[in-house]
Amino acid sequence: MKLVVISGASGSGKTTALHVLEDLDYYCIDNLPVGLLPAFAEKMRALPEDLGERVAVGIDARNPSLDLHRFPQILEQLSASGVECQILYLDADDAILLKRFSETRRKHPLSSEQRPLADAIRDERLLLAPIADRADLYTDTSHSNIHQLRDLIRSRIEAQRQTTLSILFLSFGFKHGVPMDADYVFDARCLPNPHWEPKLRAQTGRDAAVAEFLQGQNLVERFVTQVGGFLNSWIPCFEADNRNYLTIAIGCTGGQHRSVYLAERLGQEFQPQYNNVLIRHRELAG
């Protein structure tokens, strides 16, 4: 039996993630008391295979704090009973969460007249720390709309079903913030910048003219060779550690040219070696 636990900050997209898994034929239940996980898993294993083989549960901070603190022990109990458990944890910047609650006018589950929203967000992270510390996939949704989040969850969960390691090459712009969910971050801001070429400014690293410009730069080739060599040396260590997900973020100033080109190129170079290599561009629409 495969059990996916979805948790994270309120307002970060947990409900969306649960709906995605439901579309992928997982049996889904939201806001399950964490102390009931072992009993729930046992009940699901007793169902016919097509019903109880793949299950997803949402867990939030409304659980008793003692049960949340015991989460690592509960995981060990599930593993000992033969349940394959993966944890998907979603989060976002405090400012983003505050804005989302303000726009939707929803009430945070921990806020009250005595506890303002900012304090509720802080306290929620503290309560959920035992789950966040065990996360297999930590996803920062600060810069994702609902459609991008759905696509990301779907692609990573589906990719992981087919292999032991799903690798994501993610381009981003430093001026928009460093991704919180990256395992490795590489800085490409020292490389020649197509932005200063008037004919290339409006294009992106996906366009042939930008690729041709960057391919002709010795520094770019050194970057690709050395970063590629580093990853070739260390990705096998992640596999040996039974990691399910690896996010490699490459940043430039705006996330339009250099980082996009490098994520595309490195991703394409690693695709023949690994079954599931994904490429995403945080700052590009679509």
Protein backbone atom coordinates (compact mmCIF):
# COMPACT_ATOMS: atom_id res chain seq x y z
CA MET A 1 0.00 0.00 0.00
CA LYS A 2 1.21 3.50 -0.88
CA LEU A 3 0.18 6.34 1.45
CA VAL A 4 0.81 9.99 0.56
CA VAL A 5 0.57 12.46 3.44
CA ILE A 6 -0.17 16.04 2.36
CA SER A 7 0.54 18.76 4.88
CA GLY A 8 1.85 22.30 5.11
CA ALA A 9 0.89 25.88 5.73
CA SER A 10 -2.75 26.85 5.43
CA GLY A 11 -3.16 28.77 2.19
CA SER A 12 -0.24 27.03 0.47
CA GLY A 13 -2.36 24.77 -1.75
CA LYS A 14 -2.93 21.57 0.23
CA THR A 15 -6.52 21.20 -0.98
CA THR A 16 -5.40 21.65 -4.58
CA ALA A 17 -2.73 18.97 -4.13
CA LEU A 18 -5.27 16.58 -2.65
CA HIS A 19 -7.60 17.14 -5.60
CA VAL A 20 -4.75 16.39 -8.01
CA LEU A 21 -4.11 13.06 -6.33
CA GLU A 22 -7.81 12.30 -6.41
CA ASP A 23 -7.70 12.84 -10.18
CA LEU A 24 -4.79 10.36 -10.26
CA ASP A 25 -7.08 7.72 -8.71
CA TYR A 26 -5.88 8.00 -5.13
CA TYR A 27 -8.43 7.39 -2.40
CA CYS A 28 -8.30 10.77 -0.63
CA ILE A 29 -9.43 11.97 2.78
CA ASP A 30 -8.78 15.40 4.27
CA ASN A 31 -8.03 16.49 7.84
CA LEU A 32 -7.49 13.00 9.24
CA PRO A 33 -6.37 12.97 12.90
CA VAL A 34 -2.73 11.99 12.73
CA GLY A 35 -3.10 9.55 15.63
CA LEU A 36 -5.56 7.52 13.53
CA LEU A 37 -3.13 7.02 10.64
CA PRO A 38 -2.05 3.45 11.57
CA ALA A 39 -5.63 2.28 12.13
CA PHE A 40 -6.79 4.02 8.94
CA ALA A 41 -3.99 2.41 6.91
CA GLU A 42 -4.90 -1.01 8.30
CA LYS A 43 -8.54 -0.53 7.29
CA MET A 44 -7.55 0.59 3.78
CA ARG A 45 -5.29 -2.43 3.31
CA ALA A 46 -8.28 -4.66 3.97
CA LEU A 47 -10.17 -3.18 1.01
CA PRO A 48 -9.94 -4.60 -2.52
CA GLU A 49 -6.63 -3.66 -4.15
CA ASP A 50 -8.13 -1.18 -6.61
CA LEU A 51 -9.57 0.83 -3.67
CA GLY A 52 -6.93 0.64 -0.97
CA GLU A 53 -3.64 0.39 -2.83
CA ARG A 54 -3.06 4.14 -3.29
CA VAL A 55 -4.26 6.50 -0.56
CA ALA A 56 -3.70 10.19 0.21
CA VAL A 57 -4.54 11.98 3.45
CA GLY A 58 -4.42 15.64 4.40
CA ILE A 59 -3.07 16.52 7.85
CA ASP A 60 -3.09 20.02 9.28
CA ALA A 61 -2.23 21.85 12.51
CA ARG A 62 -5.64 21.31 14.09
CA ASN A 63 -4.37 17.97 15.38
CA PRO A 64 -3.40 17.62 19.04
CA SER A 65 0.13 18.94 19.41
CA LEU A 66 1.24 15.73 21.15
CA ASP A 67 0.12 13.64 18.14
CA LEU A 68 1.99 15.95 15.75
CA HIS A 69 5.08 15.65 17.93
CA ARG A 70 4.78 11.85 17.68
CA PHE A 71 4.61 11.92 13.89
CA PRO A 72 8.08 10.35 13.36
CA GLN A 73 7.12 7.41 15.60
CA ILE A 74 3.83 7.01 13.73
CA LEU A 75 5.77 6.90 10.46
CA GLU A 76 7.98 4.14 11.83
CA GLN A 77 4.89 2.21 12.88
CA LEU A 78 3.44 2.51 9.37
CA SER A 79 6.70 1.42 7.77
CA ALA A 80 6.95 -1.60 10.06
CA SER A 81 3.48 -2.68 8.94
CA GLY A 82 4.50 -2.56 5.27
CA VAL A 83 3.01 0.80 4.29
CA GLU A 84 5.05 2.83 1.79
CA CYS A 85 4.61 6.40 3.03
CA GLN A 86 5.58 9.59 1.22
CA ILE A 87 5.17 13.11 2.60
CA LEU A 88 4.31 16.12 0.47
CA TYR A 89 4.75 19.40 2.36
CA LEU A 90 3.64 22.73 0.87
CA ASP A 91 4.66 26.17 2.07
CA ALA A 92 4.87 29.80 0.95
CA ASP A 93 6.37 33.08 2.10
CA ASP A 94 4.61 34.73 5.04
CA ALA A 95 3.77 37.78 2.92
CA ILE A 96 2.19 35.56 0.27
CA LEU A 97 0.12 33.66 2.84
CA LEU A 98 -1.06 36.92 4.41
CA LYS A 99 -2.07 38.22 0.99
CA ARG A 100 -3.95 35.04 0.09
CA PHE A 101 -5.98 35.10 3.30
CA SER A 102 -6.69 38.78 2.80
CA GLU A 103 -7.87 38.26 -0.78
CA THR A 104 -10.05 35.23 -0.04
CA ARG A 105 -11.24 36.56 3.35
CA ARG A 106 -10.90 33.04 4.72
CA LYS A 107 -10.10 32.46 8.38
CA HIS A 108 -6.86 30.76 9.27
CA PRO A 109 -7.61 27.61 11.31
CA LEU A 110 -5.42 28.81 14.20
CA SER A 111 -6.29 32.50 14.21
CA SER A 112 -8.61 34.07 16.77
CA GLU A 113 -9.31 37.39 18.46
CA GLN A 114 -6.35 36.69 20.75
CA ARG A 115 -4.09 35.33 17.97
CA PRO A 116 -3.60 37.54 14.88
CA LEU A 117 -3.01 35.99 11.46
CA ALA A 118 0.77 36.54 11.44
CA ASP A 119 1.10 34.73 14.78
CA ALA A 120 -1.17 31.92 13.58
CA ILE A 121 1.09 31.34 10.54
CA ARG A 122 4.17 31.26 12.78
CA ASP A 123 2.57 28.88 15.30
CA GLU A 124 1.33 26.60 12.54
CA ARG A 125 4.85 26.12 11.21
CA LEU A 126 6.09 25.22 14.69
CA LEU A 127 3.32 22.65 15.15
CA LEU A 128 3.92 21.08 11.73
CA ALA A 129 7.73 21.02 12.02
CA PRO A 130 7.85 17.24 12.76
CA ILE A 131 6.06 16.65 9.44
CA ALA A 132 8.09 19.22 7.48
CA ASP A 133 11.34 17.68 8.74
CA ARG A 134 10.32 14.31 7.27
CA ALA A 135 9.05 15.65 3.92
CA ASP A 136 10.04 13.75 0.78
CA LEU A 137 8.88 16.61 -1.43
CA TYR A 138 8.95 20.16 -0.03
CA THR A 139 7.19 22.54 -2.41
CA ASP A 140 7.28 26.34 -2.29
CA THR A 141 4.07 27.67 -3.86
CA SER A 142 4.86 31.38 -3.41
CA HIS A 143 5.27 31.94 -7.15
CA SER A 144 2.78 29.34 -8.42
CA ASN A 145 -0.79 29.88 -9.51
CA ILE A 146 -3.31 27.09 -9.14
CA HIS A 147 -2.73 25.74 -12.65
CA GLN A 148 1.06 25.65 -12.23
CA LEU A 149 0.71 23.93 -8.86
CA ARG A 150 -1.60 21.28 -10.29
CA ASP A 151 0.83 20.61 -13.14
CA LEU A 152 3.84 20.42 -10.81
CA ILE A 153 2.19 18.01 -8.36
CA ARG A 154 0.84 15.84 -11.15
CA SER A 155 4.15 15.60 -13.00
CA ARG A 156 6.25 14.90 -9.90
CA ILE A 157 3.91 12.33 -8.37
CA GLU A 158 3.39 10.57 -11.70
CA ALA A 159 7.14 10.63 -12.40
CA GLN A 160 7.93 9.14 -9.02
CA ARG A 161 5.55 6.24 -9.68
CA GLN A 162 7.88 5.11 -12.45
CA THR A 163 11.28 5.48 -10.81
CA THR A 164 13.00 5.83 -7.47
CA LEU A 165 14.11 9.41 -8.14
CA SER A 166 12.32 12.31 -9.82
CA ILE A 167 14.73 15.11 -10.79
CA LEU A 168 13.50 18.64 -11.43
CA PHE A 169 15.64 21.31 -13.11
CA LEU A 170 14.09 24.64 -12.12
CA SER A 171 15.05 28.05 -13.52
CA PHE A 172 14.32 31.19 -11.50
CA GLY A 173 15.20 34.87 -11.12
CA PHE A 174 17.06 36.01 -8.01
CA LYS A 175 15.18 39.30 -8.00
CA HIS A 176 12.00 37.31 -7.36
CA GLY A 177 13.51 35.28 -4.51
CA VAL A 178 15.37 31.99 -4.17
CA PRO A 179 13.14 28.86 -4.24
CA MET A 180 12.72 27.49 -0.73
CA ASP A 181 12.25 23.96 -2.02
CA ALA A 182 15.57 23.59 -3.89
CA ASP A 183 18.09 20.92 -2.88
CA TYR A 184 20.85 22.62 -4.89
CA VAL A 185 21.01 26.26 -6.06
CA PHE A 186 23.44 27.35 -8.79
CA ASP A 187 24.03 31.04 -9.52
CA ALA A 188 24.42 31.94 -13.22
CA ARG A 189 24.50 35.73 -12.78
CA CYS A 190 28.23 35.84 -13.55
CA LEU A 191 27.63 34.60 -17.11
CA PRO A 192 27.21 36.86 -20.18
CA ASN A 193 23.68 38.28 -20.17
CA PRO A 194 21.55 38.24 -23.36
CA HIS A 195 19.37 40.91 -21.76
CA TRP A 196 21.91 43.53 -22.84
CA GLU A 197 21.59 42.49 -26.49
CA PRO A 198 18.66 44.55 -27.86
CA LYS A 199 17.59 41.84 -30.33
CA LEU A 200 17.53 39.18 -27.59
CA ARG A 201 15.99 41.12 -24.71
CA ALA A 202 12.38 40.17 -25.49
CA GLN A 203 13.24 36.49 -26.05
CA THR A 204 13.91 33.74 -23.51
CA GLY A 205 16.41 30.96 -23.01
CA ARG A 206 14.08 28.66 -24.93
CA ASP A 207 14.58 30.62 -28.14
CA ALA A 208 17.20 29.55 -30.69
CA ALA A 209 18.81 32.99 -30.96
CA VAL A 210 19.44 33.16 -27.20
CA ALA A 211 20.75 29.59 -27.15
CA GLU A 212 23.12 30.39 -30.01
CA PHE A 213 24.40 33.47 -28.16
CA LEU A 214 25.08 31.52 -24.96
CA GLN A 215 26.58 28.48 -26.66
CA GLY A 216 29.33 30.67 -28.03
CA GLN A 217 30.51 31.75 -24.56
CA ASN A 218 33.41 29.90 -22.89
CA LEU A 219 32.11 30.71 -19.41
CA VAL A 220 28.75 29.14 -20.21
CA GLU A 221 30.41 25.93 -21.41
CA ARG A 222 32.54 25.79 -18.25
CA PHE A 223 29.40 26.26 -16.14
CA VAL A 224 27.58 23.42 -17.91
CA THR A 225 30.58 21.08 -17.73
CA GLN A 226 31.35 21.70 -14.06
CA VAL A 227 27.76 21.71 -12.79
CA GLY A 228 27.02 18.61 -14.87
CA GLY A 229 30.07 16.86 -13.44
CA PHE A 230 29.08 17.81 -9.90
CA LEU A 231 25.57 16.42 -10.37
CA ASN A 232 26.87 13.24 -12.00
CA SER A 233 28.97 12.66 -8.90
CA TRP A 234 26.28 13.36 -6.30
CA ILE A 235 22.93 12.25 -7.77
CA PRO A 236 23.86 8.58 -7.22
CA CYS A 237 24.26 9.40 -3.51
CA PHE A 238 20.68 10.67 -3.41
CA GLU A 239 19.56 7.45 -5.11
CA ALA A 240 21.50 5.35 -2.61
CA ASP A 241 19.78 7.23 0.20
CA ASN A 242 16.39 6.24 -1.29
CA ARG A 243 15.43 9.82 -2.04
CA ASN A 244 12.29 10.22 -4.13
CA TYR A 245 12.70 13.82 -5.29
CA LEU A 246 15.59 16.13 -6.15
CA THR A 247 15.18 19.79 -7.13
CA ILE A 248 18.09 21.56 -8.84
CA ALA A 249 17.52 25.31 -9.12
CA ILE A 250 19.49 27.53 -11.51
CA GLY A 251 19.11 31.27 -11.13
CA CYS A 252 20.00 34.40 -13.03
CA THR A 253 18.86 37.97 -12.42
CA GLY A 254 15.38 37.88 -13.94
CA GLY A 255 14.88 34.20 -14.73
CA GLN A 256 14.33 34.80 -18.45
CA HIS A 257 17.54 33.99 -20.36
CA ARG A 258 20.59 32.34 -18.77
CA SER A 259 18.84 30.23 -16.13
CA VAL A 260 16.20 29.08 -18.61
CA TYR A 261 18.81 28.04 -21.18
CA LEU A 262 20.89 26.22 -18.55
CA ALA A 263 17.92 24.38 -17.03
CA GLU A 264 16.87 23.25 -20.51
CA ARG A 265 20.36 22.15 -21.49
CA LEU A 266 21.24 20.35 -18.27
CA GLY A 267 17.81 18.74 -18.10
CA GLN A 268 18.15 17.45 -21.63
CA GLU A 269 21.65 16.12 -20.91
CA PHE A 270 20.40 14.15 -17.88
CA GLN A 271 17.21 12.80 -19.47
CA PRO A 272 19.01 9.88 -21.21
CA GLN A 273 20.54 8.85 -17.86
CA TYR A 274 17.41 8.99 -15.70
CA ASN A 275 13.86 7.95 -16.48
CA ASN A 276 12.13 11.01 -15.06
CA VAL A 277 13.79 14.36 -15.49
CA LEU A 278 11.49 17.38 -15.43
CA ILE A 279 12.23 20.96 -16.52
CA ARG A 280 10.32 23.96 -15.18
CA HIS A 281 10.76 27.72 -15.54
CA ARG A 282 9.33 29.60 -12.56
CA GLU A 283 9.32 33.05 -14.11
CA LEU A 284 7.95 32.09 -17.53
CA ALA A 285 4.22 31.98 -18.13
CA GLY A 286 2.80 28.67 -19.34
